[in-house]
Amino acid sequence: MEKNRISVIVFSKGRPMQLHAYLESLLRFSDAALEDVTILCCETEGIRYDKVMACFPQAVWKKEEHFESDLKDAVAAAGDYIMFGCDDVVFTHTFSLCEGAAYLCSHDNVFGFSMRLGHNITPYPSNAVYDGPVMEWNWETASEQHYDYPWELDCTLYRKEDVARLIDEEEKVIKNPNYLEAVINADNKSKKLPRKHLASYKERGCAVVITVNRVQDSYPNGFDDSMMTDIYSLDKLYNDEGNTLDLDRIAEQENHAVHVGAEYFLLRKARKGYSTKLVWKKKAKAVGKSIYKFPVKCYHYVERRLYRRGVFERKLSILNTKKTLRLLLGTDKSFVRLGESEIQLMQGKTVPSQHFDPKLARRLRKILREESDNLLVGIPYYYVYPREKLTPYMEIRSLSIADQRRFLFRHSRKDIQYIDAGFTQAYHLYGNYDFDKHFKMAAKLFADKDVTVICGEGTLDRFGYRLLDRCRSVEYQYAPAVDAYASYPYILRKAMRIDKSRIVCVALGPTAKPLVYDLHRKGYQAWDIGHLLKDYDTYRKQKPRTEAEIIQFYMPD
């Protein structure tokens, strides 16, 4: 098997030290050639990649500009087989990409050859079959963790034809590696992947994933904060102090799991705070903090029980989803909705679609308490009323938002009738619900209306089912999909050019709230439609509502 028929595509963001370890260990333990390695590098302010680029100049370095386009270009230029890689992977034992590719070539039913799995990663499938040093198993029937997971970006070798097909068939925008990994999930993997087997070396996995920091915000993932391993501290250690990971000592560690913690993060140069002894000392300190937080846990336990029993229902008056839609169908008022992201911003936090802005937070607080004859204000019904059956993930979320619930009780008005902010994402909120009736009512909102939609550019392009087809006419204005409030004066000026005979529908994250409010004050009928169009498209496609799917649904488009 020729080496140049095998390519490696590595994703890196904010981790030059860890990327150095990935590349150094890849060259030490495998038959990979640097000229066959492409690195998609996402720039992070204050993080310097010059040194690692100079250390490995033969690699193909690509500054990320548009992830999906850059990914497709890298795949198109790749050989017949592709191994993806992430910069938090360190290889620990010898493996051969040529052997993996040869096995795939001769075993058509094998989807991928994993370099991270083997008998040391326990439990492993008891019904696996063996071909010399290779272990093969059916991932579709496997119940063991990792062995039932056919699509991952750490270090599994795939056929280029399979990779290209999965990327081309994906309907959602692939914004970063998390989104790429999410093209396959528990609900669609059996349908999308006709090759039902995986393979790996039998004796042991040849890599570990050292999870000590996090650089993507798309999904919550585990990381170890027992020492200073944030990306800026590591940038200084690597670029200013000349430190690198000690591959020899890391390779000596015995691992029985794919993902390992700070005890594997071993530096070549001794550094206080990075020894195994101090790591465990800090972990013991963390246990002490847990004991200190025990009263808070007790409060949350009691709060959840009170919520489930409906004790909070008398604190605020919120119409349910059905009554909200009926009210909107019978009025020409504007409406604005304040949900989880807006509450977090009012609490001083940053959310994926908007960095914290104190001015925006103040405006949101004012809108929350607004009482106007022609403006309806919405907050989440399910935050207070546990009457509707939620999807499993949202059921968990409803029990973990005690601080947001407390914020609403403290800052909302008890003399106002609120509408349900969640009517725009009912499919992702509710488990058992008459969605057909719900979306027929939602469609009537737009029937024979002249509508102008203000949204992020491209956010509606991939919808196969369009609720706006009921409108008499539709026009569009575009604004930034993320951090739109930074451009708020321009967005408002442009919106003021819309004819007042048209209904202005805004889908622009937290920025939609002050925009709808200001347009309402200027005499427009303005609607904060949020995820409604996306929710309808997802319902019509009958997409699964797993935790990963719901998290991705709420991420900025």
Protein backbone atom coordinates (compact mmCIF):
# COMPACT_ATOMS: atom_id res chain seq x y z
CA MET A 1 0.00 0.00 0.00
CA GLU A 2 1.59 3.28 -1.09
CA LYS A 3 1.93 5.91 1.61
CA ASN A 4 0.71 8.72 -0.62
CA ARG A 5 -2.64 6.95 -0.94
CA ILE A 6 -3.16 7.63 2.78
CA SER A 7 -3.79 11.13 4.15
CA VAL A 8 -4.11 12.56 7.63
CA ILE A 9 -6.33 15.59 8.27
CA VAL A 10 -5.77 17.21 11.67
CA PHE A 11 -7.97 19.81 13.38
CA SER A 12 -6.35 22.33 15.72
CA LYS A 13 -7.65 25.35 17.60
CA GLY A 14 -5.66 27.23 20.23
CA ARG A 15 -3.33 24.32 21.08
CA PRO A 16 0.13 24.64 19.50
CA MET A 17 1.82 22.66 22.29
CA GLN A 18 -0.66 19.80 22.01
CA LEU A 19 -0.50 19.88 18.21
CA HIS A 20 3.30 19.57 18.46
CA ALA A 21 2.85 16.42 20.57
CA TYR A 22 0.34 15.02 18.08
CA LEU A 23 2.66 15.51 15.12
CA GLU A 24 5.80 14.39 16.94
CA SER A 25 4.16 11.22 18.25
CA LEU A 26 2.52 10.49 14.86
CA LEU A 27 5.94 10.55 13.17
CA ARG A 28 7.57 8.53 15.96
CA PHE A 29 5.05 5.73 16.20
CA SER A 30 3.62 5.42 12.67
CA ASP A 31 4.60 5.19 9.02
CA ALA A 32 2.89 8.51 8.22
CA ALA A 33 4.78 11.07 6.14
CA LEU A 34 4.50 14.78 6.99
CA GLU A 35 3.80 15.77 3.40
CA ASP A 36 0.61 13.66 3.62
CA VAL A 37 -0.61 15.52 6.73
CA THR A 38 -2.97 18.51 6.33
CA ILE A 39 -3.59 20.70 9.36
CA LEU A 40 -6.77 22.82 9.46
CA CYS A 41 -5.76 25.49 11.93
CA CYS A 42 -8.41 27.76 13.51
CA GLU A 43 -6.83 30.99 14.73
CA THR A 44 -7.42 32.04 18.32
CA GLU A 45 -6.48 35.53 19.45
CA GLY A 46 -3.28 35.49 21.50
CA ILE A 47 -2.26 31.95 20.50
CA ARG A 48 0.89 31.56 18.40
CA TYR A 49 1.36 28.77 15.83
CA ASP A 50 4.58 30.05 14.22
CA LYS A 51 6.85 27.77 16.24
CA VAL A 52 4.99 24.51 15.63
CA MET A 53 4.70 25.38 11.92
CA ALA A 54 8.46 25.92 11.78
CA CYS A 55 9.08 22.57 13.52
CA PHE A 56 6.97 20.66 10.97
CA PRO A 57 7.30 22.66 7.72
CA GLN A 58 6.66 19.71 5.39
CA ALA A 59 3.04 19.42 6.55
CA VAL A 60 0.30 21.19 4.59
CA TRP A 61 -0.82 24.08 6.79
CA LYS A 62 -4.23 25.57 6.08
CA LYS A 63 -5.57 28.56 7.99
CA GLU A 64 -9.26 27.92 8.57
CA GLU A 65 -11.48 30.47 6.83
CA HIS A 66 -14.72 28.55 6.31
CA PHE A 67 -14.59 25.16 8.00
CA GLU A 68 -16.90 23.23 5.70
CA SER A 69 -15.28 24.52 2.50
CA ASP A 70 -11.78 23.98 3.90
CA LEU A 71 -12.73 20.46 4.99
CA LYS A 72 -14.14 19.57 1.58
CA ASP A 73 -10.99 20.89 -0.11
CA ALA A 74 -8.78 18.79 2.18
CA VAL A 75 -10.87 15.66 1.57
CA ALA A 76 -10.86 16.23 -2.20
CA ALA A 77 -7.05 16.51 -2.17
CA ALA A 78 -6.59 13.45 0.07
CA GLY A 79 -5.57 9.95 -0.94
CA ASP A 80 -7.84 6.90 -1.01
CA TYR A 81 -7.81 6.59 2.79
CA ILE A 82 -8.15 9.31 5.42
CA MET A 83 -7.37 9.37 9.14
CA PHE A 84 -8.74 12.39 10.98
CA GLY A 85 -6.90 13.72 14.01
CA CYS A 86 -7.47 16.20 16.84
CA ASP A 87 -4.72 18.12 18.57
CA ASP A 88 -5.43 16.60 22.00
CA VAL A 89 -4.42 13.11 20.80
CA VAL A 90 -1.01 11.64 21.67
CA PHE A 91 0.15 8.38 20.07
CA THR A 92 1.82 5.96 22.46
CA HIS A 93 2.57 2.73 20.55
CA THR A 94 3.63 1.69 17.07
CA PHE A 95 0.98 1.37 14.36
CA SER A 96 0.90 1.29 10.58
CA LEU A 97 -1.48 3.30 8.42
CA CYS A 98 -0.50 1.09 5.48
CA GLU A 99 -1.56 -2.04 7.39
CA GLY A 100 -4.86 -0.39 8.33
CA ALA A 101 -5.53 0.64 4.72
CA ALA A 102 -4.65 -2.84 3.44
CA TYR A 103 -7.11 -4.37 5.90
CA LEU A 104 -9.88 -2.02 4.76
CA CYS A 105 -9.02 -2.82 1.13
CA SER A 106 -9.46 -6.57 1.71
CA HIS A 107 -12.48 -6.35 4.08
CA ASP A 108 -15.33 -4.51 2.36
CA ASN A 109 -17.67 -4.76 5.38
CA VAL A 110 -15.23 -2.91 7.69
CA PHE A 111 -16.03 0.82 7.95
CA GLY A 112 -12.94 2.00 9.83
CA PHE A 113 -9.65 0.82 11.32
CA SER A 114 -9.25 2.33 14.80
CA MET A 115 -5.84 3.18 16.25
CA ARG A 116 -7.26 3.94 19.70
CA LEU A 117 -8.99 0.65 20.54
CA GLY A 118 -7.66 -2.75 21.59
CA HIS A 119 -7.71 -5.18 24.52
CA ASN A 120 -6.46 -2.53 26.95
CA ILE A 121 -9.67 -0.51 26.40
CA THR A 122 -12.10 -2.54 28.47
CA PRO A 123 -14.58 -4.01 28.19
CA TYR A 124 -14.05 -5.04 24.57
CA PRO A 125 -16.54 -7.06 22.49
CA SER A 126 -16.62 -10.70 23.57
CA ASN A 127 -17.79 -11.79 20.11
CA ALA A 128 -14.91 -10.13 18.25
CA VAL A 129 -13.06 -12.19 15.66
CA TYR A 130 -9.31 -12.14 15.10
CA ASP A 131 -7.14 -12.10 11.99
CA GLY A 132 -3.56 -12.30 13.19
CA PRO A 133 -2.83 -9.06 15.12
CA VAL A 134 -6.18 -7.51 14.09
CA MET A 135 -9.45 -7.56 16.03
CA GLU A 136 -12.74 -7.11 14.13
CA TRP A 137 -16.29 -6.70 15.50
CA ASN A 138 -19.80 -5.64 14.55
CA TRP A 139 -20.26 -2.09 15.86
CA GLU A 140 -24.02 -2.24 15.29
CA THR A 141 -24.51 -5.04 17.83
CA ALA A 142 -21.72 -4.01 20.22
CA SER A 143 -22.83 -2.53 23.54
CA GLU A 144 -19.37 -1.69 24.88
CA GLN A 145 -18.45 2.00 25.07
CA HIS A 146 -16.34 3.21 22.11
CA TYR A 147 -16.76 -0.10 20.29
CA ASP A 148 -20.29 0.90 19.23
CA TYR A 149 -19.09 4.30 17.98
CA PRO A 150 -18.05 3.95 14.31
CA TRP A 151 -17.45 7.62 13.41
CA GLU A 152 -14.88 9.61 15.38
CA LEU A 153 -12.16 12.16 14.68
CA ASP A 154 -9.35 11.05 17.00
CA CYS A 155 -7.49 8.38 15.04
CA THR A 156 -9.56 6.00 12.92
CA LEU A 157 -8.71 5.33 9.28
CA TYR A 158 -11.61 5.51 6.79
CA ARG A 159 -12.09 5.19 3.06
CA LYS A 160 -12.16 8.55 1.32
CA GLU A 161 -15.32 7.56 -0.58
CA ASP A 162 -17.20 7.00 2.71
CA VAL A 163 -15.96 10.29 4.20
CA ALA A 164 -16.89 12.31 1.12
CA ARG A 165 -20.36 10.76 0.98
CA LEU A 166 -21.14 11.53 4.62
CA ILE A 167 -20.03 15.14 4.23
CA ASP A 168 -21.92 15.66 0.97
CA GLU A 169 -25.14 14.16 2.37
CA GLU A 170 -25.14 16.30 5.52
CA GLU A 171 -27.94 18.87 5.42
CA LYS A 172 -26.70 21.07 8.26
CA VAL A 173 -23.76 23.43 7.98
CA ILE A 174 -20.59 21.75 9.26
CA LYS A 175 -19.15 24.62 11.28
CA ASN A 176 -16.39 22.88 13.21
CA PRO A 177 -15.13 19.37 14.11
CA ASN A 178 -17.98 18.89 16.60
CA TYR A 179 -20.48 19.34 13.80
CA LEU A 180 -18.50 16.96 11.58
CA GLU A 181 -18.60 14.27 14.25
CA ALA A 182 -22.33 14.88 14.74
CA VAL A 183 -23.21 13.87 11.16
CA ILE A 184 -23.40 10.34 12.61
CA ASN A 185 -25.34 9.75 15.81
CA ALA A 186 -27.09 6.92 17.64
CA ASP A 187 -30.29 7.38 15.66
CA ASN A 188 -28.91 7.51 12.13
CA LYS A 189 -25.72 5.45 12.18
CA SER A 190 -27.37 2.16 11.18
CA LYS A 191 -29.08 3.84 8.23
CA LYS A 192 -26.14 5.95 7.04
CA LEU A 193 -23.37 3.37 7.42
CA PRO A 194 -23.83 0.19 5.35
CA ARG A 195 -20.46 -1.21 6.50
CA LYS A 196 -21.28 -2.75 9.89
CA HIS A 197 -17.83 -3.72 11.20
CA LEU A 198 -14.84 -1.95 12.73
CA ALA A 199 -11.30 -3.20 13.23
CA SER A 200 -8.31 -2.35 15.41
CA TYR A 201 -5.08 -3.87 16.61
CA LYS A 202 -5.84 -6.69 19.03
CA GLU A 203 -3.26 -6.20 21.78
CA ARG A 204 -3.77 -2.53 22.59
CA GLY A 205 -4.81 0.90 21.43
CA CYS A 206 -2.00 3.08 20.15
CA ALA A 207 -3.20 6.51 21.34
CA VAL A 208 -4.77 8.44 24.20
CA VAL A 209 -6.86 11.60 24.22
CA ILE A 210 -5.63 13.90 27.01
CA THR A 211 -8.61 16.03 28.01
CA VAL A 212 -7.20 18.96 29.96
CA ASN A 213 -8.77 21.93 28.18
CA ARG A 214 -11.66 22.81 25.92
CA VAL A 215 -11.61 25.00 22.82
CA GLN A 216 -14.97 24.32 21.10
CA ASP A 217 -18.19 25.69 22.58
CA SER A 218 -20.59 23.67 20.49
CA TYR A 219 -20.97 20.78 22.91
CA PRO A 220 -20.07 20.36 26.55
CA ASN A 221 -17.24 17.84 26.89
CA GLY A 222 -15.16 16.72 29.83
CA PHE A 223 -11.93 18.44 30.69
CA ASP A 224 -9.49 18.49 33.59
CA ASP A 225 -8.93 21.81 35.37
CA SER A 226 -6.75 20.49 38.18
CA MET A 227 -3.76 22.52 36.97
CA MET A 228 -2.98 25.45 34.67
CA THR A 229 -3.72 23.86 31.32
CA ASP A 230 -5.81 26.63 29.82
CA ILE A 231 -4.70 27.39 26.28
CA TYR A 232 -2.99 30.69 27.17
CA SER A 233 -0.88 29.15 29.95
CA LEU A 234 0.16 26.35 27.61
CA ASP A 235 0.95 28.81 24.84
CA LYS A 236 3.39 30.54 27.19
CA LEU A 237 4.90 27.23 28.33
CA TYR A 238 5.46 26.16 24.73
CA ASN A 239 6.38 29.34 22.89
CA ASP A 240 8.18 31.28 25.65
CA GLU A 241 9.61 28.55 27.89
CA GLY A 242 10.36 25.89 25.29
CA ASN A 243 8.35 23.15 26.95
CA THR A 244 6.83 20.17 25.16
CA LEU A 245 4.99 17.03 26.22
CA ASP A 246 7.20 14.13 27.30
CA LEU A 247 6.22 11.38 24.84
CA ASP A 248 8.40 8.73 26.50
CA ARG A 249 6.78 9.12 29.91
CA ILE A 250 3.28 9.36 28.43
CA ALA A 251 3.89 6.13 26.47
CA GLU A 252 4.92 4.38 29.69
CA GLN A 253 1.52 5.03 31.29
CA GLU A 254 -0.98 2.17 31.29
CA ASN A 255 -4.40 3.24 30.05
CA HIS A 256 -7.68 1.34 30.06
CA ALA A 257 -9.74 4.23 28.74
CA VAL A 258 -9.50 6.30 25.57
CA HIS A 259 -9.87 9.66 27.33
CA VAL A 260 -7.40 10.35 30.12
CA GLY A 261 -6.79 13.31 32.40
CA ALA A 262 -4.08 15.56 33.75
CA GLU A 263 -1.97 12.72 35.16
CA TYR A 264 -0.95 12.03 31.53
CA PHE A 265 -0.09 15.66 30.82
CA LEU A 266 3.64 15.26 31.47
CA LEU A 267 6.14 17.93 30.42
CA ARG A 268 9.75 17.38 29.41
CA LYS A 269 10.90 20.26 31.58
CA ALA A 270 9.96 20.00 35.24
CA ARG A 271 7.30 22.51 36.14
CA LYS A 272 5.65 23.11 39.48
CA GLY A 273 2.00 22.17 39.34
CA TYR A 274 2.44 19.46 36.67
CA SER A 275 3.81 16.57 38.73
CA THR A 276 1.60 13.55 39.37
CA LYS A 277 1.80 14.16 43.13
CA LEU A 278 0.57 17.73 42.83
CA VAL A 279 -2.17 16.71 40.39
CA TRP A 280 -3.60 14.29 42.94
CA LYS A 281 -3.16 16.87 45.69
CA LYS A 282 -5.27 19.30 43.69
CA LYS A 283 -7.84 16.60 43.03
CA ALA A 284 -8.10 16.07 46.79
CA LYS A 285 -8.63 19.81 47.16
CA ALA A 286 -11.44 19.55 44.64
CA VAL A 287 -13.09 16.91 46.83
CA GLY A 288 -12.95 19.40 49.69
CA LYS A 289 -14.70 21.96 47.55
CA SER A 290 -17.41 19.42 46.78
CA ILE A 291 -18.04 18.98 50.49
CA TYR A 292 -18.18 22.76 50.87
CA LYS A 293 -20.81 22.91 48.11
CA PHE A 294 -22.98 20.24 49.73
CA PRO A 295 -25.57 22.77 51.04
CA VAL A 296 -25.98 24.11 47.47
CA LYS A 297 -26.66 20.59 46.24
CA CYS A 298 -29.27 20.18 48.96
CA TYR A 299 -30.95 23.39 47.81
CA HIS A 300 -31.06 22.20 44.22
CA TYR A 301 -32.53 18.87 45.33
CA VAL A 302 -35.34 20.61 47.20
CA GLU A 303 -35.87 23.09 44.35
CA ARG A 304 -36.33 20.29 41.83
CA ARG A 305 -38.93 18.59 44.02
CA LEU A 306 -40.86 21.84 44.46
CA TYR A 307 -40.79 22.42 40.70
CA ARG A 308 -42.09 18.94 39.91
CA ARG A 309 -44.93 19.36 42.41
CA GLY A 310 -46.02 22.59 40.74
CA VAL A 311 -45.32 24.76 43.79
CA PHE A 312 -43.89 27.57 41.61
CA GLU A 313 -46.96 27.88 39.38
CA ARG A 314 -48.48 30.65 41.46
CA LYS A 315 -45.36 32.82 41.24
CA LEU A 316 -45.78 33.91 37.59
CA SER A 317 -48.61 33.91 35.07
CA ILE A 318 -47.59 32.38 31.72
CA LEU A 319 -49.90 31.16 28.96
CA ASN A 320 -49.12 27.67 27.72
CA THR A 321 -48.07 27.00 24.13
CA LYS A 322 -51.59 26.36 22.79
CA LYS A 323 -53.09 29.46 24.42
CA THR A 324 -50.13 31.53 23.23
CA LEU A 325 -50.75 30.57 19.61
CA ARG A 326 -54.47 31.24 19.92
CA LEU A 327 -53.76 34.69 21.35
CA LEU A 328 -51.29 35.52 18.56
CA LEU A 329 -53.77 34.42 15.89
CA GLY A 330 -56.36 36.82 17.25
CA THR A 331 -54.25 39.95 17.65
CA ASP A 332 -52.12 42.35 15.61
CA LYS A 333 -49.72 42.97 18.50
CA SER A 334 -45.96 42.57 18.37
CA PHE A 335 -44.30 39.93 20.51
CA VAL A 336 -40.84 39.36 21.95
CA ARG A 337 -39.51 36.28 23.76
CA LEU A 338 -36.86 35.93 26.47
CA GLY A 339 -35.43 32.44 26.92
CA GLU A 340 -32.38 30.70 28.35
CA SER A 341 -29.77 32.67 26.39
CA GLU A 342 -31.32 36.01 27.32
CA ILE A 343 -31.52 35.06 31.00
CA GLN A 344 -27.84 34.07 30.94
CA LEU A 345 -26.91 37.39 29.33
CA MET A 346 -28.92 39.26 31.97
CA GLN A 347 -26.94 37.28 34.56
CA GLY A 348 -23.68 38.56 33.05
CA LYS A 349 -22.74 35.45 31.08
CA THR A 350 -21.70 34.88 27.47
CA VAL A 351 -23.72 32.52 25.26
CA PRO A 352 -22.72 30.84 21.95
CA SER A 353 -24.58 33.39 19.81
CA GLN A 354 -23.65 36.54 21.73
CA HIS A 355 -20.83 37.76 23.94
CA PHE A 356 -21.93 39.48 27.12
CA ASP A 357 -22.69 43.15 26.59
CA PRO A 358 -23.80 45.19 29.63
CA LYS A 359 -25.93 47.50 27.49
CA LEU A 360 -27.74 44.55 25.93
CA ALA A 361 -28.24 43.00 29.37
CA ARG A 362 -29.84 46.22 30.65
CA ARG A 363 -32.14 46.38 27.63
CA LEU A 364 -33.23 42.77 28.16
CA ARG A 365 -34.03 43.44 31.82
CA LYS A 366 -36.18 46.38 30.80
CA ILE A 367 -38.05 44.32 28.21
CA LEU A 368 -38.67 41.57 30.77
CA ARG A 369 -40.65 44.03 32.89
CA GLU A 370 -42.27 45.89 29.98
CA GLU A 371 -46.03 46.42 30.02
CA SER A 372 -47.43 47.71 26.75
CA ASP A 373 -50.84 47.54 25.08
CA ASN A 374 -49.32 46.46 21.77
CA LEU A 375 -46.37 44.29 22.86
CA LEU A 376 -46.57 40.75 24.27
CA VAL A 377 -43.58 39.48 26.25
CA GLY A 378 -42.77 35.78 26.47
CA ILE A 379 -40.80 33.69 28.97
CA PRO A 380 -40.50 29.87 29.04
CA TYR A 381 -43.69 28.19 30.22
CA TYR A 382 -41.91 24.97 31.18
CA TYR A 383 -39.60 26.85 33.57
CA VAL A 384 -42.54 27.29 35.94
CA TYR A 385 -45.25 24.83 34.89
CA PRO A 386 -44.21 21.13 34.75
CA ARG A 387 -47.46 20.07 33.07
CA GLU A 388 -46.40 19.12 29.53
CA LYS A 389 -44.31 15.99 28.95
CA LEU A 390 -40.89 17.17 27.81
CA THR A 391 -38.34 15.35 25.67
CA PRO A 392 -35.86 13.40 27.87
CA TYR A 393 -33.06 15.93 27.44
CA MET A 394 -35.29 18.94 28.10
CA GLU A 395 -36.71 17.15 31.14
CA ILE A 396 -33.18 17.04 32.53
CA ARG A 397 -32.64 20.69 31.58
CA SER A 398 -35.84 21.72 33.36
CA LEU A 399 -34.42 20.32 36.60
CA SER A 400 -31.02 22.01 36.28
CA ILE A 401 -32.00 25.67 35.86
CA ALA A 402 -32.68 26.62 39.47
CA ASP A 403 -30.63 29.82 39.18
CA GLN A 404 -32.49 30.92 36.03
CA ARG A 405 -35.84 30.14 37.63
CA ARG A 406 -34.85 32.17 40.67
CA PHE A 407 -33.77 35.03 38.39
CA LEU A 408 -37.16 35.06 36.67
CA PHE A 409 -39.01 35.05 39.99
CA ARG A 410 -36.91 37.97 41.19
CA HIS A 411 -36.99 40.17 38.07
CA SER A 412 -40.28 39.38 36.30
CA ARG A 413 -43.55 41.10 37.13
CA LYS A 414 -46.31 39.17 38.87
CA ASP A 415 -48.99 41.50 37.47
CA ILE A 416 -48.20 40.75 33.80
CA GLN A 417 -49.65 37.97 31.67
CA TYR A 418 -46.67 36.49 29.81
CA ILE A 419 -46.87 34.34 26.70
CA ASP A 420 -44.83 31.15 26.26
CA ALA A 421 -41.40 31.88 24.81
CA GLY A 422 -41.06 28.19 23.92
CA PHE A 423 -43.86 28.03 21.36
CA THR A 424 -41.21 28.57 18.64
CA GLN A 425 -39.40 25.31 19.46
CA ALA A 426 -42.22 23.01 20.56
CA TYR A 427 -40.90 20.00 18.62
CA HIS A 428 -37.65 20.07 20.60
CA LEU A 429 -39.36 20.80 23.91
CA TYR A 430 -42.23 18.37 24.11
CA GLY A 431 -42.30 14.59 23.93
CA ASN A 432 -45.97 13.77 23.40
CA TYR A 433 -47.74 16.65 21.70
CA ASP A 434 -50.12 17.29 18.80
CA PHE A 435 -47.44 18.77 16.55
CA ASP A 436 -49.60 18.57 13.43
CA LYS A 437 -52.18 20.86 15.00
CA HIS A 438 -49.45 23.07 16.49
CA PHE A 439 -47.78 23.78 13.15
CA LYS A 440 -51.10 24.24 11.34
CA MET A 441 -51.84 27.02 13.83
CA ALA A 442 -48.34 28.44 13.37
CA ALA A 443 -48.82 28.41 9.59
CA LYS A 444 -51.97 30.53 9.98
CA LEU A 445 -49.83 33.27 11.54
CA PHE A 446 -48.13 33.75 8.17
CA ALA A 447 -51.03 33.02 5.83
CA ASP A 448 -51.51 35.79 3.24
CA LYS A 449 -49.14 38.14 5.10
CA ASP A 450 -46.50 40.41 3.61
CA VAL A 451 -43.43 39.58 5.66
CA THR A 452 -39.85 40.85 5.90
CA VAL A 453 -37.47 38.48 7.68
CA ILE A 454 -34.34 39.76 9.42
CA CYS A 455 -31.94 36.88 10.06
CA GLY A 456 -28.33 35.71 9.79
CA GLU A 457 -27.14 35.25 6.24
CA GLY A 458 -27.59 31.66 5.07
CA THR A 459 -29.45 30.50 8.18
CA LEU A 460 -32.61 29.60 6.27
CA ASP A 461 -30.97 28.26 3.11
CA ARG A 462 -31.01 24.57 4.00
CA PHE A 463 -34.62 24.30 5.09
CA GLY A 464 -36.45 21.80 2.94
CA TYR A 465 -39.83 22.68 4.45
CA ARG A 466 -40.71 26.36 4.58
CA LEU A 467 -43.39 27.75 6.85
CA LEU A 468 -43.05 31.07 5.03
CA ASP A 469 -44.52 29.58 1.85
CA ARG A 470 -47.93 30.57 3.29
CA CYS A 471 -47.03 34.25 3.06
CA ARG A 472 -48.27 36.49 0.28
CA SER A 473 -44.76 37.88 -0.12
CA VAL A 474 -41.43 37.46 1.67
CA GLU A 475 -38.42 39.77 1.69
CA TYR A 476 -35.13 39.34 3.55
CA GLN A 477 -32.58 41.50 5.34
CA TYR A 478 -29.38 39.92 6.60
CA ALA A 479 -27.25 40.58 9.67
CA PRO A 480 -24.42 38.75 11.49
CA ALA A 481 -25.62 35.39 12.85
CA VAL A 482 -23.26 35.67 15.86
CA ASP A 483 -22.63 38.74 18.03
CA ALA A 484 -25.19 40.71 16.03
CA TYR A 485 -25.57 43.29 18.80
CA ALA A 486 -22.17 44.73 17.89
CA SER A 487 -23.80 45.87 14.63
CA TYR A 488 -27.08 46.94 16.21
CA PRO A 489 -27.21 50.60 15.05
CA TYR A 490 -26.71 49.51 11.44
CA ILE A 491 -29.27 46.68 11.75
CA LEU A 492 -31.87 49.05 13.21
CA ARG A 493 -31.28 51.76 10.58
CA LYS A 494 -31.68 49.22 7.81
CA ALA A 495 -34.83 47.77 9.40
CA MET A 496 -36.38 51.24 9.59
CA ARG A 497 -36.47 51.34 5.78
CA ILE A 498 -39.05 48.51 5.71
CA ASP A 499 -42.56 49.58 4.81
CA LYS A 500 -44.80 49.61 7.89
CA SER A 501 -47.47 47.65 6.04
CA ARG A 502 -45.23 44.57 6.28
CA ILE A 503 -44.80 42.35 9.34
CA VAL A 504 -41.16 42.25 10.44
CA CYS A 505 -40.11 38.76 11.59
CA VAL A 506 -36.78 38.64 13.39
CA ALA A 507 -34.65 35.50 13.94
CA LEU A 508 -31.41 36.97 15.28
CA GLY A 509 -30.74 35.48 18.71
CA PRO A 510 -30.64 37.87 21.68
CA THR A 511 -30.33 40.89 19.35
CA ALA A 512 -33.86 40.18 18.11
CA LYS A 513 -35.26 41.33 21.46
CA PRO A 514 -34.25 45.01 21.44
CA LEU A 515 -34.80 45.13 17.66
CA VAL A 516 -38.42 43.96 17.95
CA TYR A 517 -38.94 46.29 20.90
CA ASP A 518 -37.57 49.33 19.03
CA LEU A 519 -39.53 48.54 15.85
CA HIS A 520 -42.69 48.16 17.94
CA ARG A 521 -42.06 51.60 19.45
CA LYS A 522 -41.71 53.01 15.92
CA GLY A 523 -45.12 51.70 14.87
CA TYR A 524 -44.18 48.40 13.24
CA GLN A 525 -45.79 45.04 13.88
CA ALA A 526 -42.70 42.97 14.73
CA TRP A 527 -42.42 39.31 15.72
CA ASP A 528 -39.52 37.59 17.46
CA ILE A 529 -39.91 34.22 15.71
CA GLY A 530 -36.66 32.69 16.97
CA HIS A 531 -36.33 29.00 16.02
CA LEU A 532 -39.89 28.61 14.68
CA LEU A 533 -38.93 28.13 11.02
CA LYS A 534 -36.13 25.73 11.94
CA ASP A 535 -38.37 23.83 14.36
CA TYR A 536 -40.97 23.32 11.62
CA ASP A 537 -38.37 22.05 9.15
CA THR A 538 -36.97 19.63 11.72
CA TYR A 539 -40.46 18.33 12.56
CA ARG A 540 -41.37 17.74 8.92
CA LYS A 541 -38.12 15.82 8.44
CA GLN A 542 -38.90 13.84 11.62
CA LYS A 543 -35.36 14.24 12.87
CA PRO A 544 -34.51 12.49 16.14
CA ARG A 545 -34.58 14.53 19.33
CA THR A 546 -31.56 13.07 21.10
CA GLU A 547 -29.41 15.14 23.43
CA ALA A 548 -26.80 15.77 20.72
CA GLU A 549 -29.43 16.76 18.16
CA ILE A 550 -31.17 19.18 20.54
CA ILE A 551 -27.88 20.79 21.58
CA GLN A 552 -26.96 21.25 17.92
CA PHE A 553 -30.44 22.62 17.15
CA TYR A 554 -29.92 25.49 19.60
CA MET A 555 -26.42 26.36 18.39
CA PRO A 556 -26.07 29.39 16.07
CA ASP A 557 -26.56 28.58 12.38
